[in-house]
């Protein structure tokens, strides 16, 4: 029998989890391991064998296997992949052009030396932003695309050091975290590359998940595909305010996700005391000493002494 004291502790603990934004939906399988229920495939291009989805290698043209049940916005996508030949990829927040053609963000699946790439699939060669978006980010990079589409590249680690974490002709794990305007690609637990896309014309906040067969004998496989949807914003203020960081300079903030395609919701003054609620990469969720809960640039925060 639970004592009133124990029940009180459990209640306080559950409030704490919600306040910190840790109460999220669980991972849900989006591939049942038996067939392509919920997925849309071009005839003879994809098949299930031994609880794994494989390209058949029969198509000469690129095509995508599309998950049709939802077009998620903020989420974590986890799966295992194996590359053996050709070129493949994992597509997120993408548009359906019809006839199994998918337009948008792609995490490359290919030989080890090409891994870590964030690519904009099916962008016309004459598009004015082709140069910036064809290779949005490569291994070891953290890239920001401005509202006008200009690219700022930070090479955080040597590319070959990062790529060494991926194995050809073997099963690897991939995790894609999509939150706000930021996409993070992890392979075997290592962050391979990050894109923060603030392009007011091209950025996408939701869309289809799909797997690519680039054609011409592509051999790639996927299994254990799971999705966890993330809340759009952190739900509540922490129960007790504790100063963890200071804002280092006057800095804009956003109440409903870091969406730079629109005007910010306000500014924090230099020296504003905040409590870090969640580190989301380029942006973090904080609560200010005045009770403002918002997204702010992580780079603008210094730990409080």
C-alpha atoms as a PDB file:
ATOM      1  CA  UNK A   1       0.000   0.000   0.000  1.00  0.00           C
ATOM      2  CA  UNK A   2       1.403   3.408  -0.975  1.00  0.00           C
ATOM      3  CA  UNK A   3       1.682   5.882   1.887  1.00  0.00           C
ATOM      4  CA  UNK A   4       0.383   9.466   1.460  1.00  0.00           C
ATOM      5  CA  UNK A   5       4.019  10.666   1.605  1.00  0.00           C
ATOM      6  CA  UNK A   6       5.033   8.343  -1.234  1.00  0.00           C
ATOM      7  CA  UNK A   7       2.023   9.383  -3.302  1.00  0.00           C
ATOM      8  CA  UNK A   8       2.993  13.010  -2.772  1.00  0.00           C
ATOM      9  CA  UNK A   9       6.537  12.312  -3.991  1.00  0.00           C
ATOM     10  CA  UNK A  10       5.214  10.526  -7.087  1.00  0.00           C
ATOM     11  CA  UNK A  11       2.883  13.435  -7.830  1.00  0.00           C
ATOM     12  CA  UNK A  12       5.680  15.998  -7.469  1.00  0.00           C
ATOM     13  CA  UNK A  13       7.920  13.853  -9.662  1.00  0.00           C
ATOM     14  CA  UNK A  14       5.313  13.672 -12.419  1.00  0.00           C
ATOM     15  CA  UNK A  15       4.920  17.465 -12.310  1.00  0.00           C
ATOM     16  CA  UNK A  16       8.676  17.837 -12.575  1.00  0.00           C
ATOM     17  CA  UNK A  17       8.829  15.642 -15.675  1.00  0.00           C
ATOM     18  CA  UNK A  18       6.094  17.615 -17.383  1.00  0.00           C
ATOM     19  CA  UNK A  19       7.640  20.923 -16.402  1.00  0.00           C
ATOM     20  CA  UNK A  20      10.966  19.958 -17.857  1.00  0.00           C
ATOM     21  CA  UNK A  21       9.384  18.939 -21.130  1.00  0.00           C
ATOM     22  CA  UNK A  22      10.398  15.295 -20.690  1.00  0.00           C
ATOM     23  CA  UNK A  23       6.906  13.855 -20.971  1.00  0.00           C
ATOM     24  CA  UNK A  24       6.843  12.896 -24.633  1.00  0.00           C
ATOM     25  CA  UNK A  25       5.111  10.242 -26.665  1.00  0.00           C
ATOM     26  CA  UNK A  26       6.884   6.866 -26.858  1.00  0.00           C
ATOM     27  CA  UNK A  27       8.616   5.453 -29.923  1.00  0.00           C
ATOM     28  CA  UNK A  28       6.072   3.774 -32.210  1.00  0.00           C
ATOM     29  CA  UNK A  29       7.048   1.311 -34.972  1.00  0.00           C
ATOM     30  CA  UNK A  30       6.028   2.611 -38.407  1.00  0.00           C
ATOM     31  CA  UNK A  31       7.152  -0.585 -40.172  1.00  0.00           C
ATOM     32  CA  UNK A  32       5.485  -3.777 -38.952  1.00  0.00           C
ATOM     33  CA  UNK A  33       8.277  -6.113 -40.067  1.00  0.00           C
ATOM     34  CA  UNK A  34       5.896  -8.203 -42.191  1.00  0.00           C
ATOM     35  CA  UNK A  35       4.752  -6.129 -45.152  1.00  0.00           C
ATOM     36  CA  UNK A  36       4.562  -2.563 -46.480  1.00  0.00           C
ATOM     37  CA  UNK A  37       1.268  -1.691 -44.815  1.00  0.00           C
ATOM     38  CA  UNK A  38       1.146   2.109 -44.498  1.00  0.00           C
ATOM     39  CA  UNK A  39       3.887   2.562 -47.092  1.00  0.00           C
ATOM     40  CA  UNK A  40       3.490   3.374 -50.785  1.00  0.00           C
ATOM     41  CA  UNK A  41       5.914   1.640 -53.148  1.00  0.00           C
ATOM     42  CA  UNK A  42       6.462   1.637 -56.888  1.00  0.00           C
ATOM     43  CA  UNK A  43       5.778  -1.849 -58.224  1.00  0.00           C
ATOM     44  CA  UNK A  44       8.712  -4.294 -58.025  1.00  0.00           C
ATOM     45  CA  UNK A  45      11.092  -1.743 -56.463  1.00  0.00           C
ATOM     46  CA  UNK A  46      10.765  -2.628 -52.768  1.00  0.00           C
ATOM     47  CA  UNK A  47      10.175  -5.822 -50.810  1.00  0.00           C
ATOM     48  CA  UNK A  48      10.144  -7.157 -47.252  1.00  0.00           C
ATOM     49  CA  UNK A  49      12.302 -10.102 -46.309  1.00  0.00           C
ATOM     50  CA  UNK A  50      13.404 -11.306 -42.875  1.00  0.00           C
ATOM     51  CA  UNK A  51      11.714  -8.304 -41.179  1.00  0.00           C
ATOM     52  CA  UNK A  52      13.743  -5.915 -43.359  1.00  0.00           C
ATOM     53  CA  UNK A  53      12.814  -3.533 -46.200  1.00  0.00           C
ATOM     54  CA  UNK A  54      15.087  -3.975 -49.229  1.00  0.00           C
ATOM     55  CA  UNK A  55      15.474  -2.207 -52.567  1.00  0.00           C
ATOM     56  CA  UNK A  56      15.049  -4.902 -55.173  1.00  0.00           C
ATOM     57  CA  UNK A  57      17.597  -3.247 -57.484  1.00  0.00           C
ATOM     58  CA  UNK A  58      15.169  -3.633 -60.407  1.00  0.00           C
ATOM     59  CA  UNK A  59      14.488   0.045 -61.077  1.00  0.00           C
ATOM     60  CA  UNK A  60      16.622   2.067 -63.482  1.00  0.00           C
ATOM     61  CA  UNK A  61      15.089   5.328 -62.211  1.00  0.00           C
ATOM     62  CA  UNK A  62      15.157   6.866 -58.750  1.00  0.00           C
ATOM     63  CA  UNK A  63      12.025   6.352 -56.682  1.00  0.00           C
ATOM     64  CA  UNK A  64      10.948   6.592 -53.050  1.00  0.00           C
ATOM     65  CA  UNK A  65       9.103   4.301 -50.652  1.00  0.00           C
ATOM     66  CA  UNK A  66       6.727   6.722 -48.876  1.00  0.00           C
ATOM     67  CA  UNK A  67       5.176   6.405 -45.423  1.00  0.00           C
ATOM     68  CA  UNK A  68       1.634   7.661 -45.984  1.00  0.00           C
ATOM     69  CA  UNK A  69       0.037   7.671 -42.537  1.00  0.00           C
ATOM     70  CA  UNK A  70       1.303  11.074 -41.333  1.00  0.00           C
ATOM     71  CA  UNK A  71       3.401  14.102 -42.221  1.00  0.00           C
ATOM     72  CA  UNK A  72       5.111  14.713 -38.868  1.00  0.00           C
ATOM     73  CA  UNK A  73       6.657  18.016 -37.791  1.00  0.00           C
ATOM     74  CA  UNK A  74       8.772  17.657 -34.634  1.00  0.00           C
ATOM     75  CA  UNK A  75      10.009  14.120 -34.033  1.00  0.00           C
ATOM     76  CA  UNK A  76      12.802  11.634 -33.535  1.00  0.00           C
ATOM     77  CA  UNK A  77      13.083   8.998 -36.275  1.00  0.00           C
ATOM     78  CA  UNK A  78      15.136   5.905 -35.412  1.00  0.00           C
ATOM     79  CA  UNK A  79      16.024   3.074 -37.735  1.00  0.00           C
ATOM     80  CA  UNK A  80      18.751   0.686 -38.784  1.00  0.00           C
ATOM     81  CA  UNK A  81      20.154   0.761 -42.308  1.00  0.00           C
ATOM     82  CA  UNK A  82      22.549  -1.266 -44.398  1.00  0.00           C
ATOM     83  CA  UNK A  83      24.265  -0.042 -47.563  1.00  0.00           C
ATOM     84  CA  UNK A  84      25.754  -2.451 -50.105  1.00  0.00           C
ATOM     85  CA  UNK A  85      25.619  -0.763 -53.511  1.00  0.00           C
ATOM     86  CA  UNK A  86      24.564   2.437 -55.259  1.00  0.00           C
ATOM     87  CA  UNK A  87      22.857   5.343 -53.523  1.00  0.00           C
ATOM     88  CA  UNK A  88      19.964   5.630 -51.099  1.00  0.00           C
ATOM     89  CA  UNK A  89      18.697   7.971 -48.401  1.00  0.00           C
ATOM     90  CA  UNK A  90      16.190   8.751 -45.662  1.00  0.00           C
ATOM     91  CA  UNK A  91      13.788  11.574 -46.447  1.00  0.00           C
ATOM     92  CA  UNK A  92      12.012  13.739 -43.823  1.00  0.00           C
ATOM     93  CA  UNK A  93       9.709  16.781 -43.871  1.00  0.00           C
ATOM     94  CA  UNK A  94       9.413  16.374 -47.620  1.00  0.00           C
ATOM     95  CA  UNK A  95       6.860  17.067 -50.360  1.00  0.00           C
ATOM     96  CA  UNK A  96       5.258  14.447 -52.590  1.00  0.00           C
ATOM     97  CA  UNK A  97       5.619  15.313 -56.291  1.00  0.00           C
ATOM     98  CA  UNK A  98       3.658  12.258 -57.419  1.00  0.00           C
ATOM     99  CA  UNK A  99       4.805   9.029 -59.076  1.00  0.00           C
ATOM    100  CA  UNK A 100       6.969   8.146 -56.034  1.00  0.00           C
ATOM    101  CA  UNK A 101       9.101  11.293 -56.373  1.00  0.00           C
ATOM    102  CA  UNK A 102       9.972  13.129 -53.131  1.00  0.00           C
ATOM    103  CA  UNK A 103      11.295  16.687 -52.791  1.00  0.00           C
ATOM    104  CA  UNK A 104      13.085  17.937 -49.675  1.00  0.00           C
ATOM    105  CA  UNK A 105      15.457  17.027 -46.871  1.00  0.00           C
ATOM    106  CA  UNK A 106      17.444  13.824 -47.328  1.00  0.00           C
ATOM    107  CA  UNK A 107      20.020  12.161 -45.094  1.00  0.00           C
ATOM    108  CA  UNK A 108      22.331  10.316 -47.476  1.00  0.00           C
ATOM    109  CA  UNK A 109      22.765   6.535 -47.294  1.00  0.00           C
ATOM    110  CA  UNK A 110      25.749   5.482 -49.400  1.00  0.00           C
ATOM    111  CA  UNK A 111      29.354   4.370 -49.094  1.00  0.00           C
ATOM    112  CA  UNK A 112      31.142   5.521 -45.932  1.00  0.00           C
ATOM    113  CA  UNK A 113      32.942   8.367 -47.730  1.00  0.00           C
ATOM    114  CA  UNK A 114      29.619  10.006 -48.653  1.00  0.00           C
ATOM    115  CA  UNK A 115      27.922   9.700 -45.270  1.00  0.00           C
ATOM    116  CA  UNK A 116      26.906  12.706 -43.199  1.00  0.00           C
ATOM    117  CA  UNK A 117      25.337  14.577 -46.098  1.00  0.00           C
ATOM    118  CA  UNK A 118      22.132  16.591 -45.722  1.00  0.00           C
ATOM    119  CA  UNK A 119      20.866  17.015 -49.258  1.00  0.00           C
ATOM    120  CA  UNK A 120      17.865  18.709 -50.900  1.00  0.00           C
ATOM    121  CA  UNK A 121      16.487  16.055 -53.227  1.00  0.00           C
ATOM    122  CA  UNK A 122      15.105  16.839 -56.695  1.00  0.00           C
ATOM    123  CA  UNK A 123      16.045  20.530 -56.577  1.00  0.00           C
ATOM    124  CA  UNK A 124      16.285  21.711 -60.180  1.00  0.00           C
ATOM    125  CA  UNK A 125      19.826  22.329 -61.385  1.00  0.00           C
ATOM    126  CA  UNK A 126      18.892  25.859 -62.488  1.00  0.00           C
ATOM    127  CA  UNK A 127      17.318  26.781 -59.145  1.00  0.00           C
ATOM    128  CA  UNK A 128      19.052  29.921 -57.737  1.00  0.00           C
ATOM    129  CA  UNK A 129      19.609  28.164 -54.387  1.00  0.00           C
ATOM    130  CA  UNK A 130      20.923  24.912 -55.835  1.00  0.00           C
ATOM    131  CA  UNK A 131      24.514  25.619 -54.764  1.00  0.00           C
ATOM    132  CA  UNK A 132      23.614  26.195 -51.105  1.00  0.00           C
ATOM    133  CA  UNK A 133      21.073  23.398 -50.793  1.00  0.00           C
ATOM    134  CA  UNK A 134      22.444  20.584 -52.966  1.00  0.00           C
ATOM    135  CA  UNK A 135      25.031  19.823 -50.276  1.00  0.00           C
ATOM    136  CA  UNK A 136      23.395  21.531 -47.303  1.00  0.00           C
ATOM    137  CA  UNK A 137      25.783  19.994 -44.760  1.00  0.00           C
ATOM    138  CA  UNK A 138      28.444  17.295 -44.869  1.00  0.00           C
ATOM    139  CA  UNK A 139      30.138  15.202 -42.178  1.00  0.00           C
ATOM    140  CA  UNK A 140      31.283  17.154 -39.138  1.00  0.00           C
ATOM    141  CA  UNK A 141      29.437  20.345 -40.090  1.00  0.00           C
ATOM    142  CA  UNK A 142      26.887  22.531 -38.353  1.00  0.00           C
ATOM    143  CA  UNK A 143      25.227  24.655 -41.057  1.00  0.00           C
ATOM    144  CA  UNK A 144      22.804  27.559 -40.778  1.00  0.00           C
ATOM    145  CA  UNK A 145      20.796  28.802 -43.754  1.00  0.00           C
ATOM    146  CA  UNK A 146      19.657  32.407 -43.301  1.00  0.00           C
ATOM    147  CA  UNK A 147      16.168  33.709 -44.189  1.00  0.00           C
ATOM    148  CA  UNK A 148      17.589  34.794 -47.573  1.00  0.00           C
ATOM    149  CA  UNK A 149      19.182  31.368 -48.134  1.00  0.00           C
ATOM    150  CA  UNK A 150      22.813  32.260 -47.443  1.00  0.00           C
ATOM    151  CA  UNK A 151      24.816  29.457 -45.853  1.00  0.00           C
ATOM    152  CA  UNK A 152      27.047  29.723 -42.787  1.00  0.00           C
ATOM    153  CA  UNK A 153      29.221  26.630 -42.266  1.00  0.00           C
ATOM    154  CA  UNK A 154      30.970  25.596 -39.058  1.00  0.00           C
ATOM    155  CA  UNK A 155      33.267  22.566 -39.403  1.00  0.00           C
ATOM    156  CA  UNK A 156      33.138  21.163 -35.876  1.00  0.00           C
ATOM    157  CA  UNK A 157      35.120  17.963 -36.493  1.00  0.00           C
ATOM    158  CA  UNK A 158      37.190  16.476 -39.285  1.00  0.00           C
ATOM    159  CA  UNK A 159      34.972  14.756 -41.834  1.00  0.00           C
ATOM    160  CA  UNK A 160      36.954  11.514 -41.985  1.00  0.00           C
ATOM    161  CA  UNK A 161      36.928  11.234 -38.196  1.00  0.00           C
ATOM    162  CA  UNK A 162      33.118  11.381 -38.249  1.00  0.00           C
ATOM    163  CA  UNK A 163      32.649   9.093 -41.260  1.00  0.00           C
ATOM    164  CA  UNK A 164      34.719   6.349 -39.624  1.00  0.00           C
ATOM    165  CA  UNK A 165      31.769   5.702 -37.299  1.00  0.00           C
ATOM    166  CA  UNK A 166      29.688   4.315 -40.196  1.00  0.00           C
ATOM    167  CA  UNK A 167      30.260   0.844 -41.660  1.00  0.00           C
ATOM    168  CA  UNK A 168      29.731  -0.311 -45.246  1.00  0.00           C
ATOM    169  CA  UNK A 169      28.068  -3.709 -45.808  1.00  0.00           C
ATOM    170  CA  UNK A 170      26.858  -3.846 -42.193  1.00  0.00           C
ATOM    171  CA  UNK A 171      23.912  -2.677 -40.119  1.00  0.00           C
ATOM    172  CA  UNK A 172      24.146   0.838 -38.652  1.00  0.00           C
ATOM    173  CA  UNK A 173      21.730   2.892 -36.552  1.00  0.00           C
ATOM    174  CA  UNK A 174      20.443   6.259 -37.714  1.00  0.00           C
ATOM    175  CA  UNK A 175      18.593   8.834 -35.656  1.00  0.00           C
ATOM    176  CA  UNK A 176      17.130  12.002 -37.133  1.00  0.00           C
ATOM    177  CA  UNK A 177      15.923  14.679 -34.713  1.00  0.00           C
ATOM    178  CA  UNK A 178      13.656  17.318 -36.251  1.00  0.00           C
ATOM    179  CA  UNK A 179      12.662  20.160 -33.956  1.00  0.00           C
ATOM    180  CA  UNK A 180      11.746  23.683 -34.991  1.00  0.00           C
ATOM    181  CA  UNK A 181      14.014  24.672 -37.865  1.00  0.00           C
ATOM    182  CA  UNK A 182      16.837  22.278 -36.937  1.00  0.00           C
ATOM    183  CA  UNK A 183      17.581  18.784 -38.265  1.00  0.00           C
ATOM    184  CA  UNK A 184      20.213  16.617 -36.601  1.00  0.00           C
ATOM    185  CA  UNK A 185      21.580  13.432 -38.159  1.00  0.00           C
ATOM    186  CA  UNK A 186      23.181  10.813 -35.879  1.00  0.00           C
ATOM    187  CA  UNK A 187      24.731   7.512 -36.989  1.00  0.00           C
ATOM    188  CA  UNK A 188      25.728   4.858 -34.479  1.00  0.00           C
ATOM    189  CA  UNK A 189      25.258   7.452 -31.745  1.00  0.00           C
ATOM    190  CA  UNK A 190      27.577  10.047 -33.331  1.00  0.00           C
ATOM    191  CA  UNK A 191      26.277  13.412 -34.586  1.00  0.00           C
ATOM    192  CA  UNK A 192      27.246  13.448 -38.272  1.00  0.00           C
ATOM    193  CA  UNK A 193      25.800  16.822 -39.305  1.00  0.00           C
ATOM    194  CA  UNK A 194      23.259  19.469 -38.317  1.00  0.00           C
ATOM    195  CA  UNK A 195      21.229  21.874 -40.457  1.00  0.00           C
ATOM    196  CA  UNK A 196      19.329  24.869 -39.128  1.00  0.00           C
ATOM    197  CA  UNK A 197      17.173  25.976 -42.042  1.00  0.00           C
ATOM    198  CA  UNK A 198      15.751  29.485 -41.658  1.00  0.00           C
ATOM    199  CA  UNK A 199      15.292  30.045 -45.394  1.00  0.00           C
ATOM    200  CA  UNK A 200      11.966  31.888 -45.657  1.00  0.00           C
ATOM    201  CA  UNK A 201      11.257  30.299 -49.058  1.00  0.00           C
ATOM    202  CA  UNK A 202      12.608  26.748 -48.761  1.00  0.00           C
ATOM    203  CA  UNK A 203      12.419  25.709 -45.103  1.00  0.00           C
ATOM    204  CA  UNK A 204       9.877  22.968 -44.308  1.00  0.00           C
ATOM    205  CA  UNK A 205       8.343  22.367 -40.879  1.00  0.00           C
ATOM    206  CA  UNK A 206       6.528  19.091 -41.683  1.00  0.00           C
ATOM    207  CA  UNK A 207       6.170  16.551 -44.464  1.00  0.00           C
ATOM    208  CA  UNK A 208       6.579  12.965 -45.585  1.00  0.00           C
ATOM    209  CA  UNK A 209       9.058  10.372 -44.374  1.00  0.00           C
ATOM    210  CA  UNK A 210      10.404   8.212 -47.213  1.00  0.00           C
ATOM    211  CA  UNK A 211      13.251   5.894 -48.210  1.00  0.00           C
ATOM    212  CA  UNK A 212      15.116   6.336 -51.487  1.00  0.00           C
ATOM    213  CA  UNK A 213      16.091   3.902 -54.206  1.00  0.00           C
ATOM    214  CA  UNK A 214      18.347   5.857 -56.565  1.00  0.00           C
ATOM    215  CA  UNK A 215      17.945   3.213 -59.256  1.00  0.00           C
ATOM    216  CA  UNK A 216      20.585   1.541 -61.408  1.00  0.00           C
ATOM    217  CA  UNK A 217      21.014  -1.484 -59.139  1.00  0.00           C
ATOM    218  CA  UNK A 218      20.852   0.207 -55.738  1.00  0.00           C
ATOM    219  CA  UNK A 219      21.113  -2.290 -52.876  1.00  0.00           C
ATOM    220  CA  UNK A 220      20.151  -0.910 -49.456  1.00  0.00           C
ATOM    221  CA  UNK A 221      17.999  -2.127 -46.579  1.00  0.00           C
ATOM    222  CA  UNK A 222      16.163  -0.716 -43.555  1.00  0.00           C
ATOM    223  CA  UNK A 223      14.652  -2.224 -40.417  1.00  0.00           C
ATOM    224  CA  UNK A 224      13.346  -1.375 -36.918  1.00  0.00           C
ATOM    225  CA  UNK A 225      11.891   1.939 -38.108  1.00  0.00           C
ATOM    226  CA  UNK A 226      10.393   3.864 -35.187  1.00  0.00           C
ATOM    227  CA  UNK A 227       8.981   7.356 -34.701  1.00  0.00           C
ATOM    228  CA  UNK A 228       8.567   9.468 -31.578  1.00  0.00           C
ATOM    229  CA  UNK A 229       6.623  12.688 -31.975  1.00  0.00           C
ATOM    230  CA  UNK A 230       7.903  15.647 -29.963  1.00  0.00           C
ATOM    231  CA  UNK A 231       5.835  18.446 -28.470  1.00  0.00           C
ATOM    232  CA  UNK A 232       5.809  21.664 -30.455  1.00  0.00           C
ATOM    233  CA  UNK A 233       6.779  23.675 -27.388  1.00  0.00           C
ATOM    234  CA  UNK A 234       7.708  22.927 -23.817  1.00  0.00           C
ATOM    235  CA  UNK A 235       4.412  22.647 -21.982  1.00  0.00           C
ATOM    236  CA  UNK A 236       4.936  24.430 -18.658  1.00  0.00           C
ATOM    237  CA  UNK A 237       7.263  26.561 -16.593  1.00  0.00           C
ATOM    238  CA  UNK A 238       9.523  24.710 -14.103  1.00  0.00           C
ATOM    239  CA  UNK A 239       7.892  24.439 -10.682  1.00  0.00           C
ATOM    240  CA  UNK A 240      10.752  26.359  -9.069  1.00  0.00           C
ATOM    241  CA  UNK A 241      12.916  28.918 -10.866  1.00  0.00           C
ATOM    242  CA  UNK A 242      16.669  28.298 -10.601  1.00  0.00           C
ATOM    243  CA  UNK A 243      19.204  30.487 -12.404  1.00  0.00           C
ATOM    244  CA  UNK A 244      21.361  28.254 -14.609  1.00  0.00           C
ATOM    245  CA  UNK A 245      22.472  30.660 -17.369  1.00  0.00           C
ATOM    246  CA  UNK A 246      22.832  34.340 -18.274  1.00  0.00           C
ATOM    247  CA  UNK A 247      22.024  35.879 -21.653  1.00  0.00           C
ATOM    248  CA  UNK A 248      25.344  37.300 -22.876  1.00  0.00           C
ATOM    249  CA  UNK A 249      23.957  40.033 -25.161  1.00  0.00           C
ATOM    250  CA  UNK A 250      20.603  41.439 -26.217  1.00  0.00           C
ATOM    251  CA  UNK A 251      18.993  38.444 -27.941  1.00  0.00           C
ATOM    252  CA  UNK A 252      15.688  37.809 -29.720  1.00  0.00           C
ATOM    253  CA  UNK A 253      13.436  34.971 -28.586  1.00  0.00           C
ATOM    254  CA  UNK A 254      10.516  32.972 -30.018  1.00  0.00           C
ATOM    255  CA  UNK A 255       7.577  31.653 -28.028  1.00  0.00           C
ATOM    256  CA  UNK A 256       6.477  28.950 -30.477  1.00  0.00           C
ATOM    257  CA  UNK A 257       9.660  27.401 -31.818  1.00  0.00           C
ATOM    258  CA  UNK A 258      12.713  28.997 -33.459  1.00  0.00           C
ATOM    259  CA  UNK A 259      11.007  29.963 -36.729  1.00  0.00           C
ATOM    260  CA  UNK A 260      13.098  32.728 -38.254  1.00  0.00           C
ATOM    261  CA  UNK A 261      10.814  33.017 -41.290  1.00  0.00           C
ATOM    262  CA  UNK A 262       8.733  35.331 -39.080  1.00  0.00           C
ATOM    263  CA  UNK A 263       9.456  38.178 -36.693  1.00  0.00           C
ATOM    264  CA  UNK A 264      10.680  37.278 -33.195  1.00  0.00           C
ATOM    265  CA  UNK A 265       8.295  37.576 -30.253  1.00  0.00           C
ATOM    266  CA  UNK A 266      10.620  39.676 -28.127  1.00  0.00           C
ATOM    267  CA  UNK A 267      14.138  40.291 -26.842  1.00  0.00           C
ATOM    268  CA  UNK A 268      15.992  39.347 -23.704  1.00  0.00           C
ATOM    269  CA  UNK A 269      18.251  42.067 -22.320  1.00  0.00           C
ATOM    270  CA  UNK A 270      21.947  41.414 -21.789  1.00  0.00           C
ATOM    271  CA  UNK A 271      22.417  39.743 -18.416  1.00  0.00           C
ATOM    272  CA  UNK A 272      18.890  38.306 -18.202  1.00  0.00           C
ATOM    273  CA  UNK A 273      18.838  35.404 -15.766  1.00  0.00           C
ATOM    274  CA  UNK A 274      17.275  32.235 -17.163  1.00  0.00           C
ATOM    275  CA  UNK A 275      16.757  28.598 -16.295  1.00  0.00           C
ATOM    276  CA  UNK A 276      17.667  26.137 -19.063  1.00  0.00           C
ATOM    277  CA  UNK A 277      14.732  23.809 -19.668  1.00  0.00           C
ATOM    278  CA  UNK A 278      15.901  21.933 -22.750  1.00  0.00           C
ATOM    279  CA  UNK A 279      18.966  22.106 -25.009  1.00  0.00           C
ATOM    280  CA  UNK A 280      17.780  21.533 -28.599  1.00  0.00           C
ATOM    281  CA  UNK A 281      21.076  22.133 -30.371  1.00  0.00           C
ATOM    282  CA  UNK A 282      21.250  25.536 -32.041  1.00  0.00           C
ATOM    283  CA  UNK A 283      18.321  26.723 -29.933  1.00  0.00           C
ATOM    284  CA  UNK A 284      17.430  26.089 -26.302  1.00  0.00           C
ATOM    285  CA  UNK A 285      14.220  26.411 -24.329  1.00  0.00           C
ATOM    286  CA  UNK A 286      14.590  28.675 -21.315  1.00  0.00           C
ATOM    287  CA  UNK A 287      12.440  30.358 -18.696  1.00  0.00           C
ATOM    288  CA  UNK A 288      13.449  33.878 -17.710  1.00  0.00           C
ATOM    289  CA  UNK A 289      13.410  35.379 -14.226  1.00  0.00           C
ATOM    290  CA  UNK A 290      10.194  37.175 -15.279  1.00  0.00           C
ATOM    291  CA  UNK A 291       8.496  33.942 -16.288  1.00  0.00           C
ATOM    292  CA  UNK A 292       8.890  34.172 -20.089  1.00  0.00           C
ATOM    293  CA  UNK A 293       9.224  30.676 -21.584  1.00  0.00           C
ATOM    294  CA  UNK A 294      10.871  30.837 -25.014  1.00  0.00           C
ATOM    295  CA  UNK A 295      13.352  29.523 -27.562  1.00  0.00           C
ATOM    296  CA  UNK A 296      16.648  31.417 -27.658  1.00  0.00           C
ATOM    297  CA  UNK A 297      19.976  30.869 -29.416  1.00  0.00           C
ATOM    298  CA  UNK A 298      22.131  28.459 -27.397  1.00  0.00           C
ATOM    299  CA  UNK A 299      25.209  30.474 -28.347  1.00  0.00           C
ATOM    300  CA  UNK A 300      23.772  33.459 -26.447  1.00  0.00           C
ATOM    301  CA  UNK A 301      23.798  31.596 -23.120  1.00  0.00           C
ATOM    302  CA  UNK A 302      26.618  31.362 -20.595  1.00  0.00           C
ATOM    303  CA  UNK A 303      26.433  29.188 -17.472  1.00  0.00           C
ATOM    304  CA  UNK A 304      25.711  31.198 -14.326  1.00  0.00           C
ATOM    305  CA  UNK A 305      28.521  31.153 -11.770  1.00  0.00           C
END
